[in-house]
Amino acid sequence: MSTYITGVILTLLSSVSWAAGVMFFRKSGETVTAFGVNVGKNVIGILLFSITIPLVGGSYFPSSIPARDLWLIVISGVLGVGMGDLLFLAALKMLGAGLNSIVGAVYTPLLVFGAVIFLGEPLSLSLILGTALVVIAIFVIATDKIKTRPKNLYLGIFTGIMGMFCTVAGILLMKGPLMRHSLWWINWARLISGLLFFALYFPLRKDKQAIVSSLTHLGNWKTLALGGMLGTYFAILFWTGGLSILPASVVGVLNQLTIVAIIVFARIFLKEPVTLRKVMAGTLACSGAFLATSNIL
């Protein structure tokens, strides 16, 4: 099996793992705040990576990482794991799994444009047209007139897009270090950085009592643990594995298959309705993401 195919398989596994994890995050959000879900899933992820690192012969404190790379990893964790995930789960609670996955399609054009600006990749007509399709997909969902339309639809869409901005910034910052250092340690360090961000942000929250109460209720940890294992540990592990092999643009387009998986999973497990507009938006978003990274024009 070629290295390229391995990267594709890892990225596809990441999409499926993340989609499955989102189902548990959505379920956890019924009894745990978005902030609490973030803390819970990161704790599970850190625990699993802490167990794995010595098993693969790694070190918790490698001496070979330069200070610049260390700072890039820490900032990447704060932006991507901390702020990005917090905004993502807040949007998930407002929009539901299906709608939020479609809004998340802006991830691909943002990532490709980021690569153009910061990594010097060329800007193609395919990229411009693909981005336009994703924007249209979001508009299709935003103007949906179905009875189950979320109360905070526009706020949810804005929150989701801001979350994608933070996520993409985190990816661009970690791309270099990921090519030079152990992905096991980088994932562990990013999750810890994100958790430290939550610790610093926690005193500013008005719902501190609700957060503590939901996280100290042992019954809530079953879905949190499953979501953390699938959506944090396995999804991040597979995703960084693919990112270390493939160009960021290829990873970006493959990740858009998550949209389809989430809509299907949300229908099966969460009983969320599949409307014509949702199907149209999902198709447009996936088509736009593919076109944005295909360079066929």
C-alpha atoms as a PDB file:
ATOM      1  CA  MET A   1       0.000   0.000   0.000  1.00  0.00           C
ATOM      2  CA  SER A   2       1.415   3.392  -1.006  1.00  0.00           C
ATOM      3  CA  THR A   3       1.983   6.172   1.512  1.00  0.00           C
ATOM      4  CA  TYR A   4      -0.565   8.345  -0.306  1.00  0.00           C
ATOM      5  CA  ILE A   5      -3.295   5.702  -0.018  1.00  0.00           C
ATOM      6  CA  THR A   6      -2.446   5.302   3.669  1.00  0.00           C
ATOM      7  CA  GLY A   7      -2.948   9.040   4.137  1.00  0.00           C
ATOM      8  CA  VAL A   8      -6.304   8.906   2.350  1.00  0.00           C
ATOM      9  CA  ILE A   9      -7.492   5.980   4.483  1.00  0.00           C
ATOM     10  CA  LEU A  10      -6.411   7.707   7.708  1.00  0.00           C
ATOM     11  CA  THR A  11      -8.225  10.902   6.721  1.00  0.00           C
ATOM     12  CA  LEU A  12     -11.415   9.022   5.833  1.00  0.00           C
ATOM     13  CA  LEU A  13     -11.264   7.163   9.147  1.00  0.00           C
ATOM     14  CA  SER A  14     -10.892  10.533  10.848  1.00  0.00           C
ATOM     15  CA  SER A  15     -14.069  11.793   9.159  1.00  0.00           C
ATOM     16  CA  VAL A  16     -16.088   8.762  10.249  1.00  0.00           C
ATOM     17  CA  SER A  17     -14.682   8.858  13.808  1.00  0.00           C
ATOM     18  CA  TRP A  18     -15.456  12.558  14.131  1.00  0.00           C
ATOM     19  CA  ALA A  19     -18.988  12.104  12.791  1.00  0.00           C
ATOM     20  CA  ALA A  20     -19.610   9.328  15.330  1.00  0.00           C
ATOM     21  CA  GLY A  21     -18.120  11.454  18.106  1.00  0.00           C
ATOM     22  CA  VAL A  22     -20.386  14.373  17.199  1.00  0.00           C
ATOM     23  CA  MET A  23     -23.420  12.161  17.868  1.00  0.00           C
ATOM     24  CA  PHE A  24     -22.234  11.644  21.446  1.00  0.00           C
ATOM     25  CA  PHE A  25     -21.286  15.330  21.829  1.00  0.00           C
ATOM     26  CA  ARG A  26     -24.786  16.290  20.702  1.00  0.00           C
ATOM     27  CA  LYS A  27     -26.321  13.818  23.162  1.00  0.00           C
ATOM     28  CA  SER A  28     -24.051  15.042  25.964  1.00  0.00           C
ATOM     29  CA  GLY A  29     -25.109  18.608  25.182  1.00  0.00           C
ATOM     30  CA  GLU A  30     -28.598  17.783  26.451  1.00  0.00           C
ATOM     31  CA  THR A  31     -27.313  17.504  30.029  1.00  0.00           C
ATOM     32  CA  VAL A  32     -23.871  19.163  29.899  1.00  0.00           C
ATOM     33  CA  THR A  33     -22.993  22.704  28.791  1.00  0.00           C
ATOM     34  CA  ALA A  34     -20.899  23.195  25.629  1.00  0.00           C
ATOM     35  CA  PHE A  35     -18.008  24.258  27.852  1.00  0.00           C
ATOM     36  CA  GLY A  36     -18.408  21.124  29.958  1.00  0.00           C
ATOM     37  CA  VAL A  37     -18.482  18.871  26.892  1.00  0.00           C
ATOM     38  CA  ASN A  38     -15.229  20.448  25.703  1.00  0.00           C
ATOM     39  CA  VAL A  39     -13.560  19.875  29.040  1.00  0.00           C
ATOM     40  CA  GLY A  40     -14.848  16.308  29.258  1.00  0.00           C
ATOM     41  CA  LYS A  41     -13.819  15.226  25.775  1.00  0.00           C
ATOM     42  CA  ASN A  42     -10.372  16.792  26.158  1.00  0.00           C
ATOM     43  CA  VAL A  43      -9.812  15.085  29.503  1.00  0.00           C
ATOM     44  CA  ILE A  44     -10.633  11.736  27.863  1.00  0.00           C
ATOM     45  CA  GLY A  45      -8.345  12.526  24.936  1.00  0.00           C
ATOM     46  CA  ILE A  46      -5.454  13.549  27.187  1.00  0.00           C
ATOM     47  CA  LEU A  47      -5.899  10.411  29.292  1.00  0.00           C
ATOM     48  CA  LEU A  48      -5.834   8.121  26.230  1.00  0.00           C
ATOM     49  CA  PHE A  49      -2.824   9.858  24.660  1.00  0.00           C
ATOM     50  CA  SER A  50      -1.044   9.781  28.041  1.00  0.00           C
ATOM     51  CA  ILE A  51      -1.495   6.002  28.079  1.00  0.00           C
ATOM     52  CA  THR A  52      -0.440   5.620  24.444  1.00  0.00           C
ATOM     53  CA  ILE A  53       2.745   7.747  24.403  1.00  0.00           C
ATOM     54  CA  PRO A  54       4.890   5.387  26.541  1.00  0.00           C
ATOM     55  CA  LEU A  55       3.440   2.361  24.725  1.00  0.00           C
ATOM     56  CA  VAL A  56       4.807   3.674  21.401  1.00  0.00           C
ATOM     57  CA  GLY A  57       8.176   4.540  22.938  1.00  0.00           C
ATOM     58  CA  GLY A  58       7.516   8.269  23.165  1.00  0.00           C
ATOM     59  CA  SER A  59       8.325  10.803  25.857  1.00  0.00           C
ATOM     60  CA  TYR A  60       6.150  13.305  27.689  1.00  0.00           C
ATOM     61  CA  PHE A  61       8.993  15.836  27.666  1.00  0.00           C
ATOM     62  CA  PRO A  62      11.046  15.440  24.452  1.00  0.00           C
ATOM     63  CA  SER A  63      14.225  17.511  24.428  1.00  0.00           C
ATOM     64  CA  SER A  64      14.486  17.800  20.651  1.00  0.00           C
ATOM     65  CA  ILE A  65      11.639  20.291  20.143  1.00  0.00           C
ATOM     66  CA  PRO A  66      12.843  23.892  19.592  1.00  0.00           C
ATOM     67  CA  ALA A  67      11.165  26.696  21.526  1.00  0.00           C
ATOM     68  CA  ARG A  68       9.592  28.115  18.341  1.00  0.00           C
ATOM     69  CA  ASP A  69       7.893  24.820  17.482  1.00  0.00           C
ATOM     70  CA  LEU A  70       6.746  24.438  21.080  1.00  0.00           C
ATOM     71  CA  TRP A  71       5.066  27.837  21.006  1.00  0.00           C
ATOM     72  CA  LEU A  72       3.451  27.074  17.648  1.00  0.00           C
ATOM     73  CA  ILE A  73       2.007  23.862  19.095  1.00  0.00           C
ATOM     74  CA  VAL A  74       0.734  25.608  22.237  1.00  0.00           C
ATOM     75  CA  ILE A  75      -0.903  28.463  20.303  1.00  0.00           C
ATOM     76  CA  SER A  76      -2.321  25.926  17.851  1.00  0.00           C
ATOM     77  CA  GLY A  77      -3.874  24.065  20.779  1.00  0.00           C
ATOM     78  CA  VAL A  78      -5.392  27.208  22.284  1.00  0.00           C
ATOM     79  CA  LEU A  79      -6.913  28.263  18.960  1.00  0.00           C
ATOM     80  CA  GLY A  80      -7.888  24.896  17.490  1.00  0.00           C
ATOM     81  CA  VAL A  81      -8.663  22.752  20.533  1.00  0.00           C
ATOM     82  CA  GLY A  82      -9.676  25.532  22.914  1.00  0.00           C
ATOM     83  CA  MET A  83     -11.470  28.336  21.093  1.00  0.00           C
ATOM     84  CA  GLY A  84     -12.312  26.379  17.921  1.00  0.00           C
ATOM     85  CA  ASP A  85     -13.907  23.424  19.679  1.00  0.00           C
ATOM     86  CA  LEU A  86     -15.720  25.642  22.177  1.00  0.00           C
ATOM     87  CA  LEU A  87     -17.330  27.623  19.365  1.00  0.00           C
ATOM     88  CA  PHE A  88     -18.042  24.426  17.409  1.00  0.00           C
ATOM     89  CA  LEU A  89     -19.916  22.776  20.278  1.00  0.00           C
ATOM     90  CA  ALA A  90     -21.791  25.990  21.060  1.00  0.00           C
ATOM     91  CA  ALA A  91     -22.941  26.041  17.424  1.00  0.00           C
ATOM     92  CA  LEU A  92     -23.752  22.325  17.612  1.00  0.00           C
ATOM     93  CA  LYS A  93     -26.082  22.967  20.532  1.00  0.00           C
ATOM     94  CA  MET A  94     -27.819  25.806  18.672  1.00  0.00           C
ATOM     95  CA  LEU A  95     -28.070  24.215  15.220  1.00  0.00           C
ATOM     96  CA  GLY A  96     -28.125  20.464  15.718  1.00  0.00           C
ATOM     97  CA  ALA A  97     -25.676  17.995  14.215  1.00  0.00           C
ATOM     98  CA  GLY A  98     -26.921  18.085  10.616  1.00  0.00           C
ATOM     99  CA  LEU A  99     -27.073  21.858  10.133  1.00  0.00           C
ATOM    100  CA  ASN A 100     -23.841  22.449  12.007  1.00  0.00           C
ATOM    101  CA  SER A 101     -21.985  19.985   9.797  1.00  0.00           C
ATOM    102  CA  ILE A 102     -23.037  21.950   6.709  1.00  0.00           C
ATOM    103  CA  VAL A 103     -21.931  25.272   8.205  1.00  0.00           C
ATOM    104  CA  GLY A 104     -18.649  23.537   9.013  1.00  0.00           C
ATOM    105  CA  ALA A 105     -18.084  23.096   5.277  1.00  0.00           C
ATOM    106  CA  VAL A 106     -16.460  26.554   5.265  1.00  0.00           C
ATOM    107  CA  TYR A 107     -13.498  24.724   6.808  1.00  0.00           C
ATOM    108  CA  THR A 108     -12.199  23.579   3.413  1.00  0.00           C
ATOM    109  CA  PRO A 109     -12.128  26.914   1.536  1.00  0.00           C
ATOM    110  CA  LEU A 110     -10.782  28.620   4.657  1.00  0.00           C
ATOM    111  CA  LEU A 111      -8.017  26.043   4.899  1.00  0.00           C
ATOM    112  CA  VAL A 112      -7.134  26.319   1.214  1.00  0.00           C
ATOM    113  CA  PHE A 113      -7.194  30.127   1.250  1.00  0.00           C
ATOM    114  CA  GLY A 114      -5.039  30.009   4.370  1.00  0.00           C
ATOM    115  CA  ALA A 115      -2.577  27.796   2.531  1.00  0.00           C
ATOM    116  CA  VAL A 116      -2.583  30.266  -0.382  1.00  0.00           C
ATOM    117  CA  ILE A 117      -1.887  33.233   1.883  1.00  0.00           C
ATOM    118  CA  PHE A 118       0.534  31.716   4.382  1.00  0.00           C
ATOM    119  CA  LEU A 119       2.072  28.787   2.510  1.00  0.00           C
ATOM    120  CA  GLY A 120       2.231  30.311  -0.961  1.00  0.00           C
ATOM    121  CA  GLU A 121      -0.060  27.825  -2.716  1.00  0.00           C
ATOM    122  CA  PRO A 122      -1.605  29.055  -6.025  1.00  0.00           C
ATOM    123  CA  LEU A 123      -5.122  30.526  -6.204  1.00  0.00           C
ATOM    124  CA  SER A 124      -7.178  28.756  -8.889  1.00  0.00           C
ATOM    125  CA  LEU A 125     -10.576  29.301 -10.493  1.00  0.00           C
ATOM    126  CA  SER A 126     -11.668  25.979  -8.975  1.00  0.00           C
ATOM    127  CA  LEU A 127     -10.925  27.362  -5.523  1.00  0.00           C
ATOM    128  CA  ILE A 128     -12.946  30.517  -6.123  1.00  0.00           C
ATOM    129  CA  LEU A 129     -15.959  28.657  -7.560  1.00  0.00           C
ATOM    130  CA  GLY A 130     -15.802  25.986  -4.852  1.00  0.00           C
ATOM    131  CA  THR A 131     -15.856  28.615  -2.143  1.00  0.00           C
ATOM    132  CA  ALA A 132     -18.896  30.217  -3.792  1.00  0.00           C
ATOM    133  CA  LEU A 133     -20.758  26.879  -3.686  1.00  0.00           C
ATOM    134  CA  VAL A 134     -20.052  26.504   0.039  1.00  0.00           C
ATOM    135  CA  VAL A 135     -21.340  30.035   0.694  1.00  0.00           C
ATOM    136  CA  ILE A 136     -24.505  29.210  -1.289  1.00  0.00           C
ATOM    137  CA  ALA A 137     -24.918  26.023   0.786  1.00  0.00           C
ATOM    138  CA  ILE A 138     -24.883  28.051   3.992  1.00  0.00           C
ATOM    139  CA  PHE A 139     -27.413  30.488   2.492  1.00  0.00           C
ATOM    140  CA  VAL A 140     -29.712  27.584   1.551  1.00  0.00           C
ATOM    141  CA  ILE A 141     -29.709  26.372   5.156  1.00  0.00           C
ATOM    142  CA  ALA A 142     -30.009  29.868   6.633  1.00  0.00           C
ATOM    143  CA  THR A 143     -33.193  30.517   4.633  1.00  0.00           C
ATOM    144  CA  ASP A 144     -34.809  27.161   5.410  1.00  0.00           C
ATOM    145  CA  LYS A 145     -38.468  27.580   6.390  1.00  0.00           C
ATOM    146  CA  ILE A 146     -38.973  24.181   8.024  1.00  0.00           C
ATOM    147  CA  LYS A 147     -40.849  23.921  11.306  1.00  0.00           C
ATOM    148  CA  THR A 148     -37.769  22.579  13.082  1.00  0.00           C
ATOM    149  CA  ARG A 149     -35.732  25.693  12.236  1.00  0.00           C
ATOM    150  CA  PRO A 150     -33.442  26.412  15.226  1.00  0.00           C
ATOM    151  CA  LYS A 151     -34.345  29.419  17.356  1.00  0.00           C
ATOM    152  CA  ASN A 152     -30.818  30.877  17.194  1.00  0.00           C
ATOM    153  CA  LEU A 153     -30.119  29.958  13.559  1.00  0.00           C
ATOM    154  CA  TYR A 154     -28.085  33.012  12.520  1.00  0.00           C
ATOM    155  CA  LEU A 155     -26.138  33.179  15.770  1.00  0.00           C
ATOM    156  CA  GLY A 156     -25.416  29.469  15.414  1.00  0.00           C
ATOM    157  CA  ILE A 157     -24.161  29.927  11.847  1.00  0.00           C
ATOM    158  CA  PHE A 158     -21.925  32.851  12.857  1.00  0.00           C
ATOM    159  CA  THR A 159     -20.591  30.913  15.850  1.00  0.00           C
ATOM    160  CA  GLY A 160     -19.866  27.877  13.688  1.00  0.00           C
ATOM    161  CA  ILE A 161     -17.977  29.936  11.102  1.00  0.00           C
ATOM    162  CA  MET A 162     -15.875  31.625  13.790  1.00  0.00           C
ATOM    163  CA  GLY A 163     -15.091  28.185  15.174  1.00  0.00           C
ATOM    164  CA  MET A 164     -13.846  27.109  11.744  1.00  0.00           C
ATOM    165  CA  PHE A 165     -11.611  30.204  11.548  1.00  0.00           C
ATOM    166  CA  CYS A 166      -9.967  29.206  14.834  1.00  0.00           C
ATOM    167  CA  THR A 167      -9.663  25.569  13.758  1.00  0.00           C
ATOM    168  CA  VAL A 168      -7.990  26.475  10.461  1.00  0.00           C
ATOM    169  CA  ALA A 169      -5.592  28.861  12.201  1.00  0.00           C
ATOM    170  CA  GLY A 170      -4.621  26.033  14.538  1.00  0.00           C
ATOM    171  CA  ILE A 171      -4.012  23.702  11.582  1.00  0.00           C
ATOM    172  CA  LEU A 172      -1.800  26.177   9.733  1.00  0.00           C
ATOM    173  CA  LEU A 173       0.274  26.745  12.859  1.00  0.00           C
ATOM    174  CA  MET A 174       0.801  23.032  13.548  1.00  0.00           C
ATOM    175  CA  LYS A 175       1.521  21.900   9.970  1.00  0.00           C
ATOM    176  CA  GLY A 176       5.253  22.632  10.213  1.00  0.00           C
ATOM    177  CA  PRO A 177       5.895  21.028  13.624  1.00  0.00           C
ATOM    178  CA  LEU A 178       3.791  18.017  12.604  1.00  0.00           C
ATOM    179  CA  MET A 179       6.223  17.285   9.778  1.00  0.00           C
ATOM    180  CA  ARG A 180       9.171  17.359  12.203  1.00  0.00           C
ATOM    181  CA  HIS A 181       7.986  15.801  15.462  1.00  0.00           C
ATOM    182  CA  SER A 182       5.943  12.913  16.891  1.00  0.00           C
ATOM    183  CA  LEU A 183       2.222  13.248  16.160  1.00  0.00           C
ATOM    184  CA  TRP A 184       1.485  11.410  19.439  1.00  0.00           C
ATOM    185  CA  TRP A 185       3.212  14.088  21.499  1.00  0.00           C
ATOM    186  CA  ILE A 186       1.849  16.978  19.420  1.00  0.00           C
ATOM    187  CA  ASN A 187      -1.738  15.777  19.877  1.00  0.00           C
ATOM    188  CA  TRP A 188      -1.176  15.338  23.613  1.00  0.00           C
ATOM    189  CA  ALA A 189       0.401  18.805  23.946  1.00  0.00           C
ATOM    190  CA  ARG A 190      -2.341  20.494  21.893  1.00  0.00           C
ATOM    191  CA  LEU A 191      -5.081  18.945  24.026  1.00  0.00           C
ATOM    192  CA  ILE A 192      -3.333  20.058  27.218  1.00  0.00           C
ATOM    193  CA  SER A 193      -2.959  23.584  25.785  1.00  0.00           C
ATOM    194  CA  GLY A 194      -6.664  23.633  24.982  1.00  0.00           C
ATOM    195  CA  LEU A 195      -7.529  22.413  28.472  1.00  0.00           C
ATOM    196  CA  LEU A 196      -5.347  25.136  30.021  1.00  0.00           C
ATOM    197  CA  PHE A 197      -7.285  27.690  27.964  1.00  0.00           C
ATOM    198  CA  PHE A 198     -10.520  26.328  29.434  1.00  0.00           C
ATOM    199  CA  ALA A 199      -9.048  26.545  32.942  1.00  0.00           C
ATOM    200  CA  LEU A 200      -8.158  30.226  32.441  1.00  0.00           C
ATOM    201  CA  TYR A 201     -11.516  31.004  30.833  1.00  0.00           C
ATOM    202  CA  PHE A 202     -13.607  29.138  33.415  1.00  0.00           C
ATOM    203  CA  PRO A 203     -13.626  31.912  36.108  1.00  0.00           C
ATOM    204  CA  LEU A 204     -15.192  34.282  33.552  1.00  0.00           C
ATOM    205  CA  ARG A 205     -18.157  31.981  32.925  1.00  0.00           C
ATOM    206  CA  LYS A 206     -21.528  32.857  34.437  1.00  0.00           C
ATOM    207  CA  ASP A 207     -22.627  29.223  34.432  1.00  0.00           C
ATOM    208  CA  LYS A 208     -19.787  27.876  36.605  1.00  0.00           C
ATOM    209  CA  GLN A 209     -22.144  26.059  38.963  1.00  0.00           C
ATOM    210  CA  ALA A 210     -23.977  24.353  36.083  1.00  0.00           C
ATOM    211  CA  ILE A 211     -20.662  23.280  34.517  1.00  0.00           C
ATOM    212  CA  VAL A 212     -19.331  21.782  37.743  1.00  0.00           C
ATOM    213  CA  SER A 213     -22.652  20.117  38.520  1.00  0.00           C
ATOM    214  CA  SER A 214     -22.901  18.474  35.090  1.00  0.00           C
ATOM    215  CA  LEU A 215     -19.296  17.251  35.125  1.00  0.00           C
ATOM    216  CA  THR A 216     -19.512  15.820  38.643  1.00  0.00           C
ATOM    217  CA  HIS A 217     -22.579  13.769  37.717  1.00  0.00           C
ATOM    218  CA  LEU A 218     -21.066  10.380  36.883  1.00  0.00           C
ATOM    219  CA  GLY A 219     -23.981   9.409  34.654  1.00  0.00           C
ATOM    220  CA  ASN A 220     -22.980  12.107  32.156  1.00  0.00           C
ATOM    221  CA  TRP A 221     -19.527  10.612  31.635  1.00  0.00           C
ATOM    222  CA  LYS A 222     -20.703   7.583  29.668  1.00  0.00           C
ATOM    223  CA  THR A 223     -21.546   9.592  26.553  1.00  0.00           C
ATOM    224  CA  LEU A 224     -18.677  12.019  27.218  1.00  0.00           C
ATOM    225  CA  ALA A 225     -16.202   9.135  27.370  1.00  0.00           C
ATOM    226  CA  LEU A 226     -17.494   7.561  24.158  1.00  0.00           C
ATOM    227  CA  GLY A 227     -17.480  10.927  22.405  1.00  0.00           C
ATOM    228  CA  GLY A 228     -13.989  11.694  23.680  1.00  0.00           C
ATOM    229  CA  MET A 229     -12.653   8.328  22.538  1.00  0.00           C
ATOM    230  CA  LEU A 230     -14.168   8.559  19.039  1.00  0.00           C
ATOM    231  CA  GLY A 231     -14.270  12.295  18.389  1.00  0.00           C
ATOM    232  CA  THR A 232     -11.097  13.337  20.199  1.00  0.00           C
ATOM    233  CA  TYR A 233      -8.639  10.450  20.450  1.00  0.00           C
ATOM    234  CA  PHE A 234      -9.285   8.427  17.282  1.00  0.00           C
ATOM    235  CA  ALA A 235     -10.473  11.318  15.088  1.00  0.00           C
ATOM    236  CA  ILE A 236      -7.489  13.518  15.958  1.00  0.00           C
ATOM    237  CA  LEU A 237      -5.042  10.619  15.705  1.00  0.00           C
ATOM    238  CA  PHE A 238      -6.274   9.600  12.243  1.00  0.00           C
ATOM    239  CA  TRP A 239      -6.547  13.219  11.119  1.00  0.00           C
ATOM    240  CA  THR A 240      -3.007  14.223  12.100  1.00  0.00           C
ATOM    241  CA  GLY A 241      -1.750  10.976  10.588  1.00  0.00           C
ATOM    242  CA  GLY A 242      -3.353  11.934   7.281  1.00  0.00           C
ATOM    243  CA  LEU A 243      -2.187  15.549   7.569  1.00  0.00           C
ATOM    244  CA  SER A 244       1.416  14.430   8.094  1.00  0.00           C
ATOM    245  CA  ILE A 245       1.268  12.527   4.781  1.00  0.00           C
ATOM    246  CA  LEU A 246      -1.087  14.466   2.492  1.00  0.00           C
ATOM    247  CA  PRO A 247      -1.265  18.124   1.414  1.00  0.00           C
ATOM    248  CA  ALA A 248      -3.582  20.178   3.613  1.00  0.00           C
ATOM    249  CA  SER A 249      -5.908  20.821   0.658  1.00  0.00           C
ATOM    250  CA  VAL A 250      -6.440  17.090   0.058  1.00  0.00           C
ATOM    251  CA  VAL A 251      -7.136  16.506   3.743  1.00  0.00           C
ATOM    252  CA  GLY A 252      -9.585  19.396   3.646  1.00  0.00           C
ATOM    253  CA  VAL A 253     -11.690  17.973   0.837  1.00  0.00           C
ATOM    254  CA  LEU A 254     -11.711  14.453   2.271  1.00  0.00           C
ATOM    255  CA  ASN A 255     -12.850  15.850   5.613  1.00  0.00           C
ATOM    256  CA  GLN A 256     -15.999  17.180   3.934  1.00  0.00           C
ATOM    257  CA  LEU A 257     -17.295  13.618   3.731  1.00  0.00           C
ATOM    258  CA  THR A 258     -17.964  14.177   7.427  1.00  0.00           C
ATOM    259  CA  ILE A 259     -20.974  16.265   6.361  1.00  0.00           C
ATOM    260  CA  VAL A 260     -22.634  13.287   4.722  1.00  0.00           C
ATOM    261  CA  ALA A 261     -21.746  10.971   7.612  1.00  0.00           C
ATOM    262  CA  ILE A 262     -23.117  13.377  10.232  1.00  0.00           C
ATOM    263  CA  ILE A 263     -26.391  13.939   8.376  1.00  0.00           C
ATOM    264  CA  VAL A 264     -26.861  10.167   8.067  1.00  0.00           C
ATOM    265  CA  PHE A 265     -25.837   9.466  11.686  1.00  0.00           C
ATOM    266  CA  ALA A 266     -28.010  12.337  12.959  1.00  0.00           C
ATOM    267  CA  ARG A 267     -31.003  10.850  11.178  1.00  0.00           C
ATOM    268  CA  ILE A 268     -30.352   7.307  12.456  1.00  0.00           C
ATOM    269  CA  PHE A 269     -29.302   8.001  16.052  1.00  0.00           C
ATOM    270  CA  LEU A 270     -30.699  11.453  16.894  1.00  0.00           C
ATOM    271  CA  LYS A 271     -33.818  11.289  14.699  1.00  0.00           C
ATOM    272  CA  GLU A 272     -33.052  14.691  13.174  1.00  0.00           C
ATOM    273  CA  PRO A 273     -35.152  15.302  10.039  1.00  0.00           C
ATOM    274  CA  VAL A 274     -33.533  15.136   6.603  1.00  0.00           C
ATOM    275  CA  THR A 275     -35.158  17.921   4.592  1.00  0.00           C
ATOM    276  CA  LEU A 276     -34.781  18.682   0.895  1.00  0.00           C
ATOM    277  CA  ARG A 277     -32.870  21.864   1.704  1.00  0.00           C
ATOM    278  CA  LYS A 278     -30.527  19.945   3.987  1.00  0.00           C
ATOM    279  CA  VAL A 279     -29.811  17.462   1.191  1.00  0.00           C
ATOM    280  CA  MET A 280     -29.325  20.325  -1.285  1.00  0.00           C
ATOM    281  CA  ALA A 281     -27.026  22.191   1.082  1.00  0.00           C
ATOM    282  CA  GLY A 282     -25.028  19.069   1.852  1.00  0.00           C
ATOM    283  CA  THR A 283     -24.615  18.342  -1.853  1.00  0.00           C
ATOM    284  CA  LEU A 284     -23.587  21.923  -2.617  1.00  0.00           C
ATOM    285  CA  ALA A 285     -21.150  22.001   0.300  1.00  0.00           C
ATOM    286  CA  CYS A 286     -19.471  18.732  -0.662  1.00  0.00           C
ATOM    287  CA  SER A 287     -19.347  19.762  -4.328  1.00  0.00           C
ATOM    288  CA  GLY A 288     -17.867  23.120  -3.401  1.00  0.00           C
ATOM    289  CA  ALA A 289     -15.291  21.553  -1.125  1.00  0.00           C
ATOM    290  CA  PHE A 290     -14.286  19.100  -3.868  1.00  0.00           C
ATOM    291  CA  LEU A 291     -14.109  21.809  -6.526  1.00  0.00           C
ATOM    292  CA  ALA A 292     -12.106  24.100  -4.241  1.00  0.00           C
ATOM    293  CA  THR A 293      -9.309  21.566  -3.945  1.00  0.00           C
ATOM    294  CA  SER A 294      -9.486  19.726  -7.280  1.00  0.00           C
ATOM    295  CA  ASN A 295      -7.785  22.364  -9.478  1.00  0.00           C
ATOM    296  CA  ILE A 296      -9.748  21.088 -12.490  1.00  0.00           C
ATOM    297  CA  LEU A 297     -10.372  24.647 -13.745  1.00  0.00           C
END
